[in-house]
């Protein structure tokens, strides 16, 4: 472990011999002004943690240093964790890729959704990219998953039962979480707590009171704020309805809490796709389990068969309504994409992932 005595950016952590340039690059982010608040970076190599760094401050006013114990909303990074849990259920025989959601959850079949499959939900073509006003949950629903399921089940198919890819920004985790409840008698919050304890990290889907003092609010770049403001000018679009319009109905946060990210009452409930809380260390630990084939550190996520199936590259299928260009070719099950359809890159490497609104 080290704490840099030369840096004014509170960079601390450890770097294994041979990986020192990573620390230099991390510090350079702050020196060049890109790190306005705090950040973390963790990397594993062949199953071993080789870099774990934190630096910066908890807010742009530099009121306190950003430390390894801090956690924060990681937005759509939570979708990958949710996918791992569903793949785990498939691996254990509780679900199949082609299981119809309504076979597990009959009420879901309302509104033309009777043929939507688990695979459809995982690949953002479940027809529930957004919720209409009568089906928007409130804060109490997030803490009462029976009430949440009842609230959202009746949402009509967004595209009249026609299979259409459109980014499920917020809703995906709510629907998939209900499948975990009905088949495995567990939730994403429970699974993440169990697995993260074994891995020695912190991942919260449903923030406990005991961890609230560790939470750092996310900050938004001016570009991000501008993009959100532009979305508000076209409220009839799928992009707006999925990202802005699908919200917690009884929460009206101040402007700085864009997308309700920093509202504690929202964080206490389970919204796996948008409001999972962790940090770089937590995300890297789960990524390492997957990099090691789905089993590592006492956590058995996937068997080899499901692992191979989950990484199957699906045919090109553009997200035209939502205009998410990176969603054009999905790796089945894991919410990973061939970024910008870069087949030539994927053919030369084993790199997989996608862009996302992350955390700090």
Protein backbone atom coordinates (compact mmCIF):
# COMPACT_ATOMS: atom_id res chain seq x y z
CA UNK A 1 0.00 0.00 0.00
CA UNK A 2 1.07 3.57 -0.52
CA UNK A 3 -0.18 7.09 -0.23
CA UNK A 4 1.42 9.50 -2.63
CA UNK A 5 3.19 12.26 -0.71
CA UNK A 6 4.00 14.21 -3.85
CA UNK A 7 0.51 14.34 -5.32
CA UNK A 8 -2.00 16.95 -4.21
CA UNK A 9 -4.77 14.71 -5.43
CA UNK A 10 -4.81 12.24 -2.51
CA UNK A 11 -3.92 9.29 -4.70
CA UNK A 12 -3.56 6.17 -2.54
CA UNK A 13 -3.64 2.42 -2.88
CA UNK A 14 -1.25 -0.16 -4.27
CA UNK A 15 0.35 -1.07 -7.57
CA UNK A 16 2.18 -4.33 -8.12
CA UNK A 17 5.70 -4.11 -9.52
CA UNK A 18 5.56 -3.73 -13.26
CA UNK A 19 2.27 -1.82 -13.24
CA UNK A 20 3.64 1.53 -12.03
CA UNK A 21 2.67 3.29 -15.29
CA UNK A 22 -0.96 2.73 -14.34
CA UNK A 23 -0.48 4.87 -11.25
CA UNK A 24 1.21 7.55 -13.32
CA UNK A 25 -1.69 7.57 -15.77
CA UNK A 26 -4.21 7.69 -12.92
CA UNK A 27 -2.51 10.68 -11.32
CA UNK A 28 -2.28 12.38 -14.70
CA UNK A 29 -6.08 12.36 -14.97
CA UNK A 30 -6.27 14.67 -11.98
CA UNK A 31 -3.26 16.75 -12.98
CA UNK A 32 -4.82 17.41 -16.38
CA UNK A 33 -8.08 18.54 -14.81
CA UNK A 34 -10.24 15.63 -15.97
CA UNK A 35 -10.75 14.35 -12.43
CA UNK A 36 -12.90 17.11 -10.98
CA UNK A 37 -14.05 14.99 -8.07
CA UNK A 38 -13.01 11.49 -6.99
CA UNK A 39 -12.25 8.28 -8.81
CA UNK A 40 -11.05 4.74 -8.34
CA UNK A 41 -9.34 2.20 -10.55
CA UNK A 42 -8.86 -1.51 -9.87
CA UNK A 43 -7.37 -4.14 -12.16
CA UNK A 44 -6.83 -7.89 -12.01
CA UNK A 45 -4.36 -9.89 -14.04
CA UNK A 46 -4.82 -13.65 -14.35
CA UNK A 47 -6.92 -13.72 -11.21
CA UNK A 48 -4.65 -11.54 -9.07
CA UNK A 49 -5.36 -7.97 -8.10
CA UNK A 50 -2.47 -5.89 -9.42
CA UNK A 51 -3.79 -2.34 -9.13
CA UNK A 52 -6.13 -0.69 -6.66
CA UNK A 53 -6.11 3.10 -6.63
CA UNK A 54 -8.34 5.88 -5.37
CA UNK A 55 -7.84 9.59 -5.57
CA UNK A 56 -9.40 13.00 -5.68
CA UNK A 57 -12.22 14.31 -3.54
CA UNK A 58 -15.79 13.50 -2.67
CA UNK A 59 -17.12 16.59 -4.46
CA UNK A 60 -15.92 19.40 -6.74
CA UNK A 61 -15.44 21.71 -3.75
CA UNK A 62 -12.80 19.28 -2.37
CA UNK A 63 -14.45 19.05 1.04
CA UNK A 64 -13.04 15.58 1.80
CA UNK A 65 -10.73 13.04 0.15
CA UNK A 66 -12.24 10.22 -1.87
CA UNK A 67 -11.18 6.99 -0.14
CA UNK A 68 -11.37 3.25 -0.81
CA UNK A 69 -14.29 2.81 1.59
CA UNK A 70 -16.54 5.17 -0.39
CA UNK A 71 -19.32 3.76 -2.56
CA UNK A 72 -21.50 5.50 -5.12
CA UNK A 73 -24.13 4.91 -7.76
CA UNK A 74 -22.64 3.14 -10.78
CA UNK A 75 -25.69 3.53 -13.01
CA UNK A 76 -25.74 1.09 -15.93
CA UNK A 77 -22.72 -0.85 -14.67
CA UNK A 78 -25.36 -2.47 -12.47
CA UNK A 79 -26.87 -4.04 -15.58
CA UNK A 80 -23.83 -6.26 -16.02
CA UNK A 81 -24.13 -7.43 -12.40
CA UNK A 82 -27.84 -8.10 -12.91
CA UNK A 83 -27.01 -10.11 -16.02
CA UNK A 84 -24.55 -12.24 -14.06
CA UNK A 85 -27.29 -13.10 -11.58
CA UNK A 86 -29.75 -14.11 -14.30
CA UNK A 87 -27.06 -16.18 -16.00
CA UNK A 88 -26.46 -17.78 -12.61
CA UNK A 89 -30.15 -18.72 -12.46
CA UNK A 90 -29.88 -20.20 -15.95
CA UNK A 91 -26.73 -22.07 -14.97
CA UNK A 92 -28.57 -23.61 -12.01
CA UNK A 93 -31.56 -24.64 -14.11
CA UNK A 94 -34.07 -22.17 -12.68
CA UNK A 95 -34.48 -20.35 -16.02
CA UNK A 96 -33.66 -20.84 -19.68
CA UNK A 97 -32.83 -18.26 -22.33
CA UNK A 98 -36.14 -18.98 -24.08
CA UNK A 99 -38.30 -19.16 -20.97
CA UNK A 100 -41.33 -16.95 -21.47
CA UNK A 101 -41.49 -14.42 -18.68
CA UNK A 102 -45.25 -14.93 -18.40
CA UNK A 103 -44.72 -18.63 -17.69
CA UNK A 104 -42.91 -17.63 -14.51
CA UNK A 105 -44.85 -14.45 -13.84
CA UNK A 106 -48.35 -14.77 -15.36
CA UNK A 107 -49.35 -11.16 -14.68
CA UNK A 108 -46.47 -10.00 -16.88
CA UNK A 109 -48.25 -11.38 -19.93
CA UNK A 110 -50.77 -8.53 -19.89
CA UNK A 111 -50.67 -5.87 -22.56
CA UNK A 112 -49.27 -8.01 -25.35
CA UNK A 113 -46.17 -9.24 -23.50
CA UNK A 114 -47.11 -12.91 -23.33
CA UNK A 115 -44.33 -14.02 -25.70
CA UNK A 116 -41.45 -11.98 -24.23
CA UNK A 117 -38.59 -14.26 -23.17
CA UNK A 118 -35.78 -14.03 -20.64
CA UNK A 119 -33.38 -13.56 -23.54
CA UNK A 120 -35.50 -10.67 -24.85
CA UNK A 121 -35.28 -8.87 -21.52
CA UNK A 122 -31.54 -9.44 -21.27
CA UNK A 123 -31.03 -8.06 -24.78
CA UNK A 124 -33.17 -4.93 -24.35
CA UNK A 125 -35.97 -6.12 -26.59
CA UNK A 126 -38.54 -7.02 -23.96
CA UNK A 127 -40.99 -4.29 -24.93
CA UNK A 128 -40.78 -2.57 -21.53
CA UNK A 129 -38.07 0.00 -22.20
CA UNK A 130 -40.24 2.62 -20.51
CA UNK A 131 -43.21 2.73 -18.18
CA UNK A 132 -46.31 4.81 -18.82
CA UNK A 133 -47.47 7.07 -15.98
CA UNK A 134 -49.97 4.64 -14.37
CA UNK A 135 -47.23 2.04 -13.98
CA UNK A 136 -44.48 4.23 -12.52
CA UNK A 137 -43.44 2.97 -9.07
CA UNK A 138 -43.12 5.13 -5.98
CA UNK A 139 -40.53 4.95 -3.22
CA UNK A 140 -42.63 2.56 -1.14
CA UNK A 141 -42.80 0.13 -4.07
CA UNK A 142 -39.00 -0.06 -4.24
CA UNK A 143 -38.95 -1.36 -0.67
CA UNK A 144 -41.91 -3.71 -1.20
CA UNK A 145 -41.08 -5.89 -4.19
CA UNK A 146 -44.52 -7.52 -4.17
CA UNK A 147 -46.02 -4.08 -4.68
CA UNK A 148 -43.44 -3.24 -7.33
CA UNK A 149 -44.23 -6.40 -9.30
CA UNK A 150 -47.94 -5.66 -9.16
CA UNK A 151 -47.32 -2.08 -10.28
CA UNK A 152 -45.18 -2.81 -13.33
CA UNK A 153 -46.65 -6.11 -14.55
CA UNK A 154 -49.49 -4.51 -16.48
CA UNK A 155 -47.36 -2.13 -18.55
CA UNK A 156 -48.43 -2.67 -22.19
CA UNK A 157 -45.77 -3.75 -24.67
CA UNK A 158 -44.10 -0.58 -25.92
CA UNK A 159 -44.22 -1.77 -29.53
CA UNK A 160 -47.51 -3.65 -29.80
CA UNK A 161 -45.96 -7.08 -29.22
CA UNK A 162 -43.40 -6.60 -32.01
CA UNK A 163 -39.88 -7.57 -30.89
CA UNK A 164 -37.94 -4.30 -31.04
CA UNK A 165 -34.58 -3.43 -29.54
CA UNK A 166 -34.77 -0.32 -27.38
CA UNK A 167 -32.50 0.35 -24.43
CA UNK A 168 -34.20 -0.59 -21.14
CA UNK A 169 -32.35 2.03 -19.11
CA UNK A 170 -34.16 1.68 -15.78
CA UNK A 171 -36.79 -1.03 -16.15
CA UNK A 172 -34.65 -4.04 -17.07
CA UNK A 173 -33.48 -4.75 -13.53
CA UNK A 174 -36.95 -4.47 -12.01
CA UNK A 175 -38.34 -7.13 -14.33
CA UNK A 176 -35.33 -9.45 -14.12
CA UNK A 177 -35.25 -9.14 -10.33
CA UNK A 178 -38.82 -10.40 -10.17
CA UNK A 179 -37.76 -13.48 -12.12
CA UNK A 180 -35.09 -14.18 -9.50
CA UNK A 181 -37.68 -13.84 -6.77
CA UNK A 182 -40.13 -16.21 -8.43
CA UNK A 183 -37.63 -18.90 -9.40
CA UNK A 184 -34.82 -18.76 -6.83
CA UNK A 185 -36.64 -17.13 -3.92
CA UNK A 186 -33.95 -14.45 -3.76
CA UNK A 187 -33.27 -10.95 -5.03
CA UNK A 188 -30.44 -9.13 -6.68
CA UNK A 189 -29.81 -7.36 -3.40
CA UNK A 190 -29.46 -10.66 -1.55
CA UNK A 191 -27.19 -12.22 -4.18
CA UNK A 192 -24.91 -9.21 -4.36
CA UNK A 193 -24.60 -9.06 -0.58
CA UNK A 194 -23.69 -12.76 -0.37
CA UNK A 195 -21.23 -12.75 -3.26
CA UNK A 196 -19.60 -9.43 -2.44
CA UNK A 197 -19.01 -10.58 1.14
CA UNK A 198 -17.13 -13.60 -0.21
CA UNK A 199 -15.10 -11.39 -2.55
CA UNK A 200 -14.31 -8.84 0.15
CA UNK A 201 -15.98 -5.93 -1.63
CA UNK A 202 -19.12 -3.84 -1.22
CA UNK A 203 -22.02 -3.98 -3.68
CA UNK A 204 -25.43 -2.73 -2.58
CA UNK A 205 -28.71 -3.13 -4.43
CA UNK A 206 -30.77 -1.57 -1.71
CA UNK A 207 -28.59 0.66 0.45
CA UNK A 208 -28.54 -0.37 4.13
CA UNK A 209 -28.59 2.32 6.78
CA UNK A 210 -25.24 1.10 8.07
CA UNK A 211 -23.56 2.03 4.78
CA UNK A 212 -25.15 5.44 4.18
CA UNK A 213 -22.19 7.31 5.67
CA UNK A 214 -19.96 5.78 2.99
CA UNK A 215 -22.00 7.07 0.05
CA UNK A 216 -20.61 9.81 -2.15
CA UNK A 217 -22.96 11.61 -4.51
CA UNK A 218 -22.27 11.28 -8.21
CA UNK A 219 -21.42 14.41 -10.12
CA UNK A 220 -22.36 15.17 -13.70
CA UNK A 221 -20.24 16.71 -16.41
CA UNK A 222 -21.55 19.74 -18.23
CA UNK A 223 -21.81 17.63 -21.37
CA UNK A 224 -23.98 15.06 -19.60
CA UNK A 225 -26.24 17.76 -18.22
CA UNK A 226 -26.57 19.29 -21.65
CA UNK A 227 -27.50 15.96 -23.23
CA UNK A 228 -30.19 15.44 -20.61
CA UNK A 229 -31.57 18.92 -21.21
CA UNK A 230 -31.70 18.23 -24.94
CA UNK A 231 -33.61 15.00 -24.28
CA UNK A 232 -36.24 16.97 -22.39
CA UNK A 233 -37.03 18.94 -25.54
CA UNK A 234 -38.27 15.77 -27.29
CA UNK A 235 -40.42 14.04 -24.65
CA UNK A 236 -42.21 11.91 -27.25
CA UNK A 237 -39.05 9.97 -28.14
CA UNK A 238 -38.12 6.53 -26.84
CA UNK A 239 -34.84 7.95 -25.58
CA UNK A 240 -36.62 10.44 -23.32
CA UNK A 241 -39.29 8.01 -22.15
CA UNK A 242 -36.74 5.36 -21.19
CA UNK A 243 -34.08 7.59 -19.63
CA UNK A 244 -35.97 10.55 -18.20
CA UNK A 245 -39.65 9.66 -18.18
CA UNK A 246 -39.25 6.33 -16.40
CA UNK A 247 -38.64 7.47 -12.85
CA UNK A 248 -39.79 7.12 -9.27
CA UNK A 249 -43.16 8.84 -9.38
CA UNK A 250 -43.19 10.52 -5.97
CA UNK A 251 -39.61 11.82 -5.99
CA UNK A 252 -38.93 15.27 -7.38
CA UNK A 253 -35.22 15.78 -6.74
CA UNK A 254 -33.45 19.12 -6.99
CA UNK A 255 -31.81 19.83 -10.33
CA UNK A 256 -28.37 18.69 -9.17
CA UNK A 257 -29.80 15.22 -8.47
CA UNK A 258 -30.31 14.55 -12.16
CA UNK A 259 -32.10 11.24 -12.83
CA UNK A 260 -32.73 10.80 -9.08
CA UNK A 261 -29.26 9.30 -8.66
CA UNK A 262 -28.41 10.98 -5.37
CA UNK A 263 -31.73 10.53 -3.57
CA UNK A 264 -31.21 8.31 -0.52
CA UNK A 265 -34.81 7.09 -0.39
CA UNK A 266 -34.40 5.83 -3.96
CA UNK A 267 -31.04 4.23 -3.20
CA UNK A 268 -32.55 2.26 -0.31
CA UNK A 269 -34.81 0.38 -2.71
CA UNK A 270 -33.85 -2.13 -5.38
CA UNK A 271 -33.33 -0.63 -8.84
CA UNK A 272 -30.57 -2.89 -10.15
CA UNK A 273 -30.23 -1.40 -13.64
CA UNK A 274 -29.75 2.20 -12.58
CA UNK A 275 -29.07 2.61 -8.86
CA UNK A 276 -26.67 -0.12 -7.76
CA UNK A 277 -24.00 1.24 -5.41
CA UNK A 278 -20.41 0.04 -5.35
CA UNK A 279 -17.00 1.29 -6.49
CA UNK A 280 -14.17 0.33 -8.82
CA UNK A 281 -13.03 -2.42 -6.47
CA UNK A 282 -16.48 -4.01 -6.41
CA UNK A 283 -16.96 -3.93 -10.17
CA UNK A 284 -13.47 -5.26 -10.82
CA UNK A 285 -13.94 -8.17 -8.40
CA UNK A 286 -17.00 -9.39 -10.27
CA UNK A 287 -15.37 -8.78 -13.63
CA UNK A 288 -12.49 -10.94 -12.44
CA UNK A 289 -14.84 -13.79 -11.56
CA UNK A 290 -16.12 -13.68 -15.13
CA UNK A 291 -12.62 -13.35 -16.58
CA UNK A 292 -11.70 -16.52 -14.70
CA UNK A 293 -14.50 -18.43 -16.37
CA UNK A 294 -17.38 -17.69 -14.01
CA UNK A 295 -15.97 -19.13 -10.79
CA UNK A 296 -13.38 -17.61 -8.46
CA UNK A 297 -12.86 -16.68 -4.83
CA UNK A 298 -15.61 -18.93 -3.51
CA UNK A 299 -18.17 -17.44 -5.91
CA UNK A 300 -19.61 -19.82 -8.52
CA UNK A 301 -21.59 -17.71 -10.94
CA UNK A 302 -21.81 -19.80 -14.10
CA UNK A 303 -21.03 -23.30 -15.28
CA UNK A 304 -18.90 -23.65 -18.44
CA UNK A 305 -21.91 -24.30 -20.69
CA UNK A 306 -23.81 -21.21 -19.58
CA UNK A 307 -20.61 -19.16 -19.64
CA UNK A 308 -20.09 -20.04 -23.32
CA UNK A 309 -23.74 -19.41 -24.18
CA UNK A 310 -23.73 -16.08 -22.38
CA UNK A 311 -20.86 -14.86 -24.54
CA UNK A 312 -22.55 -15.79 -27.81
CA UNK A 313 -22.42 -12.82 -30.17
CA UNK A 314 -25.90 -12.06 -31.48
CA UNK A 315 -26.64 -10.77 -35.00
CA UNK A 316 -26.56 -7.04 -35.66
CA UNK A 317 -29.81 -5.46 -34.45
CA UNK A 318 -29.83 -1.68 -34.24
CA UNK A 319 -31.50 0.17 -31.38
CA UNK A 320 -33.20 2.59 -33.74
CA UNK A 321 -35.87 3.97 -31.33
CA UNK A 322 -33.45 4.68 -28.50
CA UNK A 323 -30.53 5.68 -30.72
CA UNK A 324 -28.03 3.76 -28.59
CA UNK A 325 -25.45 3.04 -31.27
CA UNK A 326 -23.40 0.71 -29.07
CA UNK A 327 -26.38 -1.61 -28.62
CA UNK A 328 -26.27 -2.82 -32.21
CA UNK A 329 -24.66 -6.18 -31.49
CA UNK A 330 -25.22 -7.73 -28.10
CA UNK A 331 -23.29 -10.50 -26.42
CA UNK A 332 -26.15 -12.66 -25.22
CA UNK A 333 -27.07 -12.38 -21.61
CA UNK A 334 -24.32 -10.15 -20.29
CA UNK A 335 -25.40 -6.69 -21.45
CA UNK A 336 -22.07 -6.48 -23.25
CA UNK A 337 -21.80 -5.15 -26.76
CA UNK A 338 -19.45 -5.08 -29.65
CA UNK A 339 -18.83 -1.37 -29.27
CA UNK A 340 -19.87 0.49 -32.40
CA UNK A 341 -20.21 -2.95 -34.05
CA UNK A 342 -16.42 -3.21 -34.10
CA UNK A 343 -16.28 -6.81 -35.31
CA UNK A 344 -12.75 -6.35 -36.53
CA UNK A 345 -11.64 -5.49 -32.99
CA UNK A 346 -13.45 -8.39 -31.35
CA UNK A 347 -12.02 -10.80 -33.88
CA UNK A 348 -8.50 -9.92 -32.75
CA UNK A 349 -9.01 -9.66 -28.99
CA UNK A 350 -10.97 -11.14 -26.11
CA UNK A 351 -12.07 -7.70 -24.99
CA UNK A 352 -15.77 -7.33 -24.38
CA UNK A 353 -17.79 -4.63 -22.73
CA UNK A 354 -19.80 -1.56 -23.49
CA UNK A 355 -19.94 2.14 -22.81
CA UNK A 356 -22.20 3.17 -19.96
CA UNK A 357 -23.05 5.95 -17.58
CA UNK A 358 -20.86 4.69 -14.77
CA UNK A 359 -20.17 6.22 -11.42
CA UNK A 360 -17.92 9.10 -10.45
